[in-house]
Protein backbone atom coordinates (compact mmCIF):
# COMPACT_ATOMS: atom_id res chain seq x y z
CA MET A 1 -17.38 66.36 4.50
CA GLN A 2 -18.49 65.76 0.91
CA TYR A 3 -16.71 63.20 -1.33
CA PRO A 4 -16.73 63.31 -5.09
CA LEU A 5 -19.24 60.96 -6.65
CA TYR A 6 -16.58 58.77 -8.26
CA ARG A 7 -14.98 58.20 -4.85
CA ASN A 8 -18.26 57.05 -3.34
CA ILE A 9 -18.75 54.68 -6.26
CA THR A 10 -15.22 53.32 -5.81
CA ILE A 11 -15.88 52.63 -2.13
CA LEU A 12 -19.11 50.84 -2.98
CA VAL A 13 -17.35 48.72 -5.61
CA ILE A 14 -14.63 47.75 -3.14
CA LEU A 15 -17.19 46.87 -0.47
CA PHE A 16 -19.27 44.89 -2.94
CA GLY A 17 -16.21 43.02 -4.21
CA LEU A 18 -15.09 42.24 -0.67
CA GLY A 19 -18.54 40.96 0.17
CA ALA A 20 -18.62 38.78 -2.94
CA LEU A 21 -15.16 37.42 -2.11
CA LEU A 22 -16.17 36.59 1.45
CA SER A 23 -19.33 34.95 0.18
CA ALA A 24 -17.36 32.88 -2.34
CA CYS A 25 -14.92 31.83 0.40
CA ALA A 26 -17.82 30.81 2.63
CA ILE A 27 -19.36 28.75 -0.17
CA ALA A 28 -16.01 27.09 -0.92
CA GLU A 29 -15.46 26.33 2.76
CA ALA A 30 -18.94 24.85 3.06
CA ALA A 31 -18.33 22.71 -0.02
CA GLU A 32 -15.01 21.52 1.40
CA ASP A 33 -16.66 20.64 4.71
CA GLN A 34 -19.30 18.67 2.85
CA ILE A 35 -16.66 16.78 0.88
CA LYS A 36 -14.82 15.94 4.10
CA GLN A 37 -18.04 14.66 5.66
CA VAL A 38 -18.85 12.31 2.80
CA TRP A 39 -15.21 11.24 2.61
CA GLN A 40 -15.43 10.10 6.22
CA THR A 41 -18.16 7.65 5.21
CA SER A 42 -15.98 6.02 2.55
CA ALA A 43 -13.88 2.87 2.85
CA HIS A 44 -10.73 4.94 2.34
CA ALA A 45 -11.36 6.72 5.63
CA ASP A 46 -12.60 3.78 7.70
CA VAL A 47 -10.17 3.75 10.60
CA GLU A 48 -11.57 0.42 11.83
CA SER A 49 -11.26 -1.34 8.48
CA VAL A 50 -8.91 -4.32 8.16
CA ALA A 51 -7.21 -2.36 5.39
CA PHE A 52 -5.86 -0.02 8.07
CA THR A 53 -5.78 -2.20 11.21
CA ARG A 54 -4.36 -5.57 10.18
CA TRP A 55 -0.91 -4.60 11.48
CA ASN A 56 -2.10 -3.26 14.88
CA ASP A 57 -1.04 -6.37 16.79
CA ASN A 58 2.33 -6.66 15.13
CA ASP A 59 5.50 -5.95 17.08
CA PRO A 60 6.40 -3.29 16.21
CA ALA A 61 2.94 -1.98 15.24
CA VAL A 62 3.86 -0.60 11.83
CA ILE A 63 2.65 -0.92 8.27
CA PRO A 64 5.49 -2.52 6.25
CA GLU A 65 7.04 -0.73 3.29
CA THR A 66 5.42 -3.21 0.89
CA CYS A 67 1.95 -2.23 2.14
CA ALA A 68 2.27 1.38 3.32
CA ARG A 69 1.99 2.88 -0.17
CA CYS A 70 -1.73 2.09 -0.37
CA HIS A 71 -2.67 1.70 3.27
CA SER A 72 -1.52 5.01 4.72
CA ASN A 73 -1.28 8.68 3.90
CA THR A 74 2.40 8.83 4.86
CA GLY A 75 3.24 5.76 2.79
CA TYR A 76 1.70 7.16 -0.39
CA HIS A 77 3.50 10.47 0.11
CA ASP A 78 6.75 8.52 0.52
CA PHE A 79 5.95 6.69 -2.73
CA LEU A 80 5.38 10.01 -4.50
CA GLY A 81 8.61 11.44 -3.12
CA LEU A 82 6.87 14.25 -1.23
CA ASP A 83 9.14 13.58 1.73
CA GLY A 84 12.22 14.17 -0.40
CA ALA A 85 12.92 10.45 -0.80
CA THR A 86 13.22 8.59 -4.10
CA PRO A 87 9.88 8.55 -5.97
CA GLY A 88 8.37 5.20 -6.92
CA GLN A 89 9.20 3.37 -3.72
CA VAL A 90 8.44 3.41 0.00
CA ASP A 91 11.62 3.63 2.06
CA GLN A 92 10.40 2.91 5.59
CA PRO A 93 7.46 1.42 7.50
CA VAL A 94 4.66 3.66 8.76
CA PRO A 95 3.19 3.57 12.29
CA VAL A 96 -0.35 2.19 12.38
CA GLY A 97 -3.32 4.48 12.92
CA GLU A 98 -3.47 6.23 9.56
CA THR A 99 -6.06 6.13 6.80
CA LEU A 100 -6.08 8.04 3.52
CA GLU A 101 -6.70 11.77 3.82
CA CYS A 102 -7.49 14.71 1.54
CA GLU A 103 -3.82 15.49 1.05
CA THR A 104 -3.10 11.87 0.12
CA CYS A 105 -4.50 12.57 -3.33
CA HIS A 106 -4.46 16.37 -3.38
CA ASN A 107 -0.87 17.61 -3.26
CA ASP A 108 1.76 19.37 -5.34
CA ILE A 109 2.91 16.20 -7.07
CA THR A 110 -0.38 14.54 -7.95
CA LYS A 111 -1.78 17.68 -9.57
CA ASN A 112 0.86 17.33 -12.30
CA LYS A 113 1.04 13.53 -12.37
CA HIS A 114 -0.39 11.70 -15.39
CA THR A 115 1.20 8.24 -15.29
CA SER A 116 1.15 5.04 -13.25
CA VAL A 117 3.61 2.15 -13.35
CA MET A 118 1.95 -1.26 -13.21
CA PRO A 119 3.32 -4.40 -11.48
CA SER A 120 4.34 -5.63 -14.96
CA GLY A 121 6.72 -2.66 -15.13
CA ILE A 122 4.66 -1.08 -17.91
CA GLU A 123 4.00 2.64 -17.49
CA ILE A 124 0.47 3.74 -18.34
CA THR A 125 0.57 7.30 -19.65
CA GLY A 126 -1.93 9.99 -20.59
CA LEU A 127 -3.92 9.59 -17.39
CA GLY A 128 -5.91 12.30 -15.69
CA LYS A 129 -6.70 12.57 -12.01
CA GLU A 130 -7.50 8.86 -11.92
CA ASN A 131 -3.76 8.13 -11.88
CA VAL A 132 -3.84 8.13 -8.07
CA CYS A 133 -6.62 5.51 -8.12
CA ILE A 134 -4.62 3.29 -10.45
CA ASP A 135 -1.46 3.59 -8.34
CA CYS A 136 -3.13 1.36 -5.76
CA HIS A 137 -5.93 -0.44 -7.60
CA GLN A 138 -3.52 -2.31 -9.86
CA GLY A 139 -2.80 -5.51 -7.91
CA ARG A 140 0.67 -6.74 -7.08
CA GLN A 141 1.38 -9.37 -9.73
CA SER A 142 1.20 -9.69 -13.52
CA THR A 143 1.92 -11.83 -16.55
CA VAL A 144 5.55 -10.86 -16.09
CA SER A 145 5.86 -12.08 -12.49
CA VAL A 146 4.09 -15.37 -13.26
CA ASN A 147 6.41 -15.97 -16.22
CA GLU A 148 9.43 -15.19 -14.07
CA VAL A 149 8.70 -17.99 -11.58
CA THR A 150 7.63 -20.57 -14.18
CA ALA A 151 10.23 -19.95 -16.89
CA GLY A 152 12.02 -23.07 -18.08
CA LEU A 153 9.95 -25.45 -15.95
CA ASP A 154 8.07 -28.50 -17.22
CA GLU A 155 4.41 -27.49 -17.63
CA ASP A 156 2.98 -30.45 -15.74
CA GLU A 157 5.71 -31.35 -13.29
CA VAL A 158 5.44 -30.46 -9.61
CA ASN A 159 8.05 -27.96 -8.47
CA GLU A 160 8.54 -27.41 -4.75
CA GLU A 161 9.82 -23.89 -5.31
CA LEU A 162 6.52 -22.72 -6.80
CA SER A 163 3.96 -20.98 -4.60
CA PHE A 164 0.74 -19.16 -5.35
CA LEU A 165 1.02 -15.55 -6.58
CA ASN A 166 -1.86 -13.54 -5.14
CA ILE A 167 -3.07 -10.51 -7.10
CA HIS A 168 -3.92 -9.14 -3.63
CA ASN A 169 -6.79 -6.73 -4.23
CA ASN A 170 -9.31 -5.59 -6.80
CA ALA A 171 -6.96 -4.72 -9.66
CA ALA A 172 -9.57 -2.54 -11.36
CA GLY A 173 -7.04 -0.21 -12.95
CA ALA A 174 -5.07 -3.09 -14.44
CA THR A 175 -8.25 -4.76 -15.69
CA GLN A 176 -9.55 -1.60 -17.35
CA HIS A 177 -6.28 -1.23 -19.26
CA GLY A 178 -6.22 -4.90 -20.21
CA THR A 179 -3.16 -6.02 -22.12
CA GLU A 180 -1.66 -2.54 -21.80
CA ALA A 181 -1.08 -3.41 -18.13
CA LYS A 182 -0.91 -7.23 -18.32
CA GLY A 183 -2.45 -7.66 -14.89
CA GLY A 184 -4.00 -11.03 -15.70
CA TYR A 185 -1.96 -13.97 -16.94
CA GLU A 186 -1.83 -13.72 -20.72
CA TYR A 187 -1.02 -16.95 -22.53
CA GLU A 188 1.66 -16.90 -25.20
CA GLY A 189 0.32 -16.67 -28.73
CA GLN A 190 -3.01 -15.12 -27.74
CA GLU A 191 -4.13 -11.54 -28.28
CA TYR A 192 -5.88 -9.64 -25.50
CA SER A 193 -8.08 -6.57 -25.34
CA GLY A 194 -6.56 -3.30 -24.22
CA LEU A 195 -8.07 -0.24 -22.57
CA TYR A 196 -11.83 -0.39 -22.15
CA THR A 197 -13.08 3.16 -22.63
CA HIS A 198 -16.76 2.34 -22.01
CA ALA A 199 -18.61 5.40 -23.35
CA THR A 200 -18.01 9.12 -23.78
CA GLY A 201 -17.90 10.71 -20.36
CA PHE A 202 -17.33 7.39 -18.60
CA GLU A 203 -13.75 6.59 -19.55
CA THR A 204 -12.06 6.89 -16.14
CA CYS A 205 -12.35 5.63 -12.57
CA ILE A 206 -13.71 8.91 -11.25
CA ALA A 207 -16.15 9.34 -14.12
CA CYS A 208 -18.11 6.40 -12.71
CA HIS A 209 -17.07 6.34 -9.05
CA ASN A 210 -17.44 9.46 -6.94
CA GLN A 211 -13.85 10.15 -5.90
CA HIS A 212 -14.90 11.00 -2.35
CA THR A 213 -17.73 8.60 -1.52
CA LEU A 214 -16.42 5.96 -3.96
CA LYS A 215 -20.04 5.17 -4.83
CA ILE A 216 -21.65 4.91 -8.26
CA ASP A 217 -24.73 6.89 -9.17
CA ALA A 218 -26.90 4.33 -10.96
CA ARG A 219 -28.93 7.10 -12.58
CA GLN A 220 -25.96 7.90 -14.81
CA CYS A 221 -25.86 4.30 -16.02
CA ASN A 222 -29.63 4.01 -16.43
CA ALA A 223 -29.56 6.58 -19.23
CA CYS A 224 -28.11 3.87 -21.52
CA HIS A 225 -28.66 0.66 -19.54
CA VAL A 226 -32.36 0.34 -18.74
CA GLU A 227 -31.55 -2.63 -16.49
CA ALA A 228 -29.48 -0.44 -14.18
CA VAL A 229 -32.23 0.96 -12.00
CA ASP A 230 -29.90 0.52 -9.03
CA ILE A 231 -26.50 -1.00 -8.32
CA ALA A 232 -28.04 -4.37 -7.47
CA ASN A 233 -29.21 -4.66 -11.07
CA PHE A 234 -25.84 -3.93 -12.66
CA LYS A 235 -25.40 -7.71 -12.94
CA ASN A 236 -28.11 -7.71 -15.62
CA ILE A 237 -26.25 -5.39 -18.00
CA ARG A 238 -24.89 -6.69 -21.28
CA VAL A 239 -24.13 -4.96 -24.58
CA SER A 240 -23.67 -8.05 -26.75
CA ARG A 241 -25.86 -11.03 -27.62
CA VAL A 242 -22.86 -13.35 -27.87
CA ASP A 243 -23.15 -16.41 -25.64
CA TYR A 244 -19.65 -16.33 -24.17
CA ASP A 245 -20.05 -19.11 -21.61
CA GLY A 246 -21.81 -21.49 -24.02
CA ASP A 247 -24.80 -22.22 -21.79
CA GLY A 248 -27.33 -21.23 -24.46
CA ASP A 249 -28.45 -18.06 -22.66
CA ASN A 250 -27.50 -14.83 -24.44
CA THR A 251 -29.86 -12.63 -22.44
CA GLU A 252 -28.27 -12.92 -19.01
CA GLY A 253 -26.00 -10.13 -17.83
CA VAL A 254 -22.34 -10.38 -18.74
CA LYS A 255 -21.57 -10.69 -15.01
CA ASN A 256 -23.38 -14.05 -15.04
CA GLU A 257 -21.48 -15.11 -18.16
CA ILE A 258 -18.24 -14.45 -16.28
CA GLU A 259 -19.40 -16.22 -13.12
CA THR A 260 -20.33 -19.36 -15.07
CA MET A 261 -16.91 -19.45 -16.73
CA ARG A 262 -15.21 -18.79 -13.41
CA GLU A 263 -17.06 -21.73 -11.81
CA ARG A 264 -16.06 -23.96 -14.69
CA LEU A 265 -12.46 -22.89 -14.33
CA LEU A 266 -12.41 -23.89 -10.66
CA LEU A 267 -13.84 -27.28 -11.63
CA ALA A 268 -11.19 -27.62 -14.36
CA ILE A 269 -8.48 -26.73 -11.84
CA ARG A 270 -9.69 -29.42 -9.46
CA LEU A 271 -9.98 -32.03 -12.23
CA TYR A 272 -6.47 -31.23 -13.44
CA ALA A 273 -5.15 -31.72 -9.91
CA VAL A 274 -6.88 -35.10 -9.65
CA LYS A 275 -5.56 -36.32 -12.99
CA THR A 276 -1.98 -35.03 -12.76
CA LYS A 277 0.71 -37.14 -11.12
CA GLY A 278 2.09 -35.80 -7.87
CA LEU A 279 -0.63 -33.20 -7.25
CA ASP A 280 -2.79 -33.03 -4.13
CA ASN A 281 -6.47 -32.28 -4.38
CA ILE A 282 -6.97 -28.52 -4.39
CA VAL A 283 -9.56 -26.43 -2.54
CA TYR A 284 -10.30 -22.73 -2.85
CA GLU A 285 -11.32 -20.65 0.18
CA ASP A 286 -11.83 -16.91 0.60
CA ARG A 287 -8.89 -16.46 2.95
CA ASN A 288 -5.18 -16.06 2.48
CA PRO A 289 -3.42 -17.92 0.82
CA TYR A 290 -6.71 -18.99 -0.89
CA PHE A 291 -5.67 -22.37 -2.28
CA PHE A 292 -5.41 -25.28 0.18
CA ASP A 293 -5.06 -29.04 0.22
CA GLU A 294 -7.72 -31.27 1.74
CA GLU A 295 -6.10 -31.00 5.18
CA GLY A 296 -6.51 -27.23 5.14
CA GLU A 297 -2.81 -26.55 4.65
CA PRO A 298 -1.57 -24.03 2.04
CA TYR A 299 -1.42 -25.76 -1.32
CA SER A 300 2.13 -26.76 -2.20
CA THR A 301 2.12 -29.20 -5.14
CA TRP A 302 2.06 -26.64 -7.92
CA THR A 303 2.88 -27.14 -11.57
CA PRO A 304 3.38 -24.14 -13.88
CA ARG A 305 0.16 -24.94 -15.75
CA LEU A 306 -1.86 -25.14 -12.54
CA LEU A 307 -0.30 -21.98 -11.12
CA ARG A 308 -1.21 -19.91 -14.19
CA ALA A 309 -4.83 -21.05 -14.21
CA ALA A 310 -5.17 -20.53 -10.45
CA TYR A 311 -3.71 -17.06 -10.81
CA ASN A 312 -6.33 -16.09 -13.39
CA TYR A 313 -9.09 -17.63 -11.29
CA GLN A 314 -8.06 -15.51 -8.32
CA TYR A 315 -7.61 -12.46 -10.54
CA VAL A 316 -11.24 -12.70 -11.61
CA VAL A 317 -12.52 -13.49 -8.10
CA LYS A 318 -10.78 -10.43 -6.69
CA GLY A 319 -11.83 -8.30 -9.65
CA ILE A 320 -15.38 -7.91 -8.39
CA GLY A 321 -16.14 -5.28 -11.03
CA GLY A 322 -14.34 -6.99 -13.90
CA TYR A 323 -17.58 -7.33 -15.84
CA ALA A 324 -17.83 -3.53 -15.96
CA HIS A 325 -14.16 -2.57 -15.96
CA ASN A 326 -13.27 -4.77 -18.95
CA SER A 327 -15.50 -7.78 -19.56
CA LYS A 328 -13.71 -8.79 -22.78
CA TYR A 329 -10.32 -9.01 -21.09
CA THR A 330 -11.80 -10.87 -18.13
CA ILE A 331 -13.53 -13.45 -20.34
CA GLN A 332 -10.41 -13.90 -22.47
CA LEU A 333 -8.39 -14.77 -19.36
CA LEU A 334 -10.97 -17.34 -18.24
CA HIS A 335 -11.37 -18.85 -21.71
CA ASP A 336 -7.64 -19.30 -22.25
CA SER A 337 -7.12 -20.76 -18.76
CA LEU A 338 -9.88 -23.32 -19.39
CA ASN A 339 -8.43 -24.15 -22.76
CA ASP A 340 -4.92 -24.62 -21.37
CA LEU A 341 -6.21 -27.05 -18.75
CA GLY A 342 -7.85 -29.14 -21.46
CA ALA A 343 -11.43 -28.19 -20.64
CA LYS A 344 -14.01 -28.20 -23.44
CA THR A 345 -14.44 -24.67 -24.75
CA SER A 346 -15.95 -25.39 -28.17
CA ALA A 347 -19.37 -24.06 -27.12
CA MET A 348 -17.87 -20.92 -25.65
CA THR A 349 -16.97 -17.78 -27.57
CA ARG A 350 -13.72 -15.94 -26.96
CA PRO A 351 -14.26 -12.17 -27.34
CA ARG A 352 -12.44 -10.42 -30.12
CA THR A 353 -9.77 -7.97 -29.12
CA ASN A 354 -10.45 -4.22 -29.28
């Protein structure tokens, strides 16, 4: 049976289109499989990580509401309101055994979400896809919470009701937004830098960090920073010749400037404790609750002045990428904490605000 030419052409077009569609689907599926594979190598999918197992021996073995938002897929969905519950809060604990999954970040709510509320209560707006990163990488305390517990108290008098406020985790999102988030403790009367936009094309979390592997491709940085031949050399990057820490070296990386100031702040904290009536000697250790007395017990003789400085010290310690996320804000916090404790800062330089 003979078919008109146009009909034969139509059939060929349909077959070709179907083939192209199937090919596109196969490519998309392969790409998705590859993303899933690299995701499984990331810290967000590490089922054996302390971030997902620390509650395994609890009775019952559940992740509490205060932690589930960032330590489980179900908890974050509860926070978003995907389960029909009130958005912005987690209503119930989550059984252990979960990590973060594809749908944690890719769902009907996050695709239209462009804000994140910080622990200070300030809502950061105008965000892109990085809003889901900032929902968790924002810490758990702020200028506001520190002021709430120290309000009306004598600056240098021990108060038994005071206890250390732990920022908890790398508050990278809060640090990048600086005073717009108020993640560090900001001293009254001082101005602080806001959002650090870095450079065109590198303004967000996922512009620098691969959103699936979480890694940074040093080659992107090396285009502008010749020191950044690999991640290990990021510590050598600086974009200013200002000697912030006052040690006479304005060629070292800004990370080293911050580390010097951080070390001096810990010394100032310990000297303040020695010189102030009623205070025990204070020791810092990399374990919760971080500040201890000489007997190894959680530190308990806090004054408001000491608590604020210790909070900023811990904020910078936990902010392992603070030198890249917002070095000005980080240095301002250290400088003002040193100054408030009476340490000599005349040789140091406080960065100007943005």
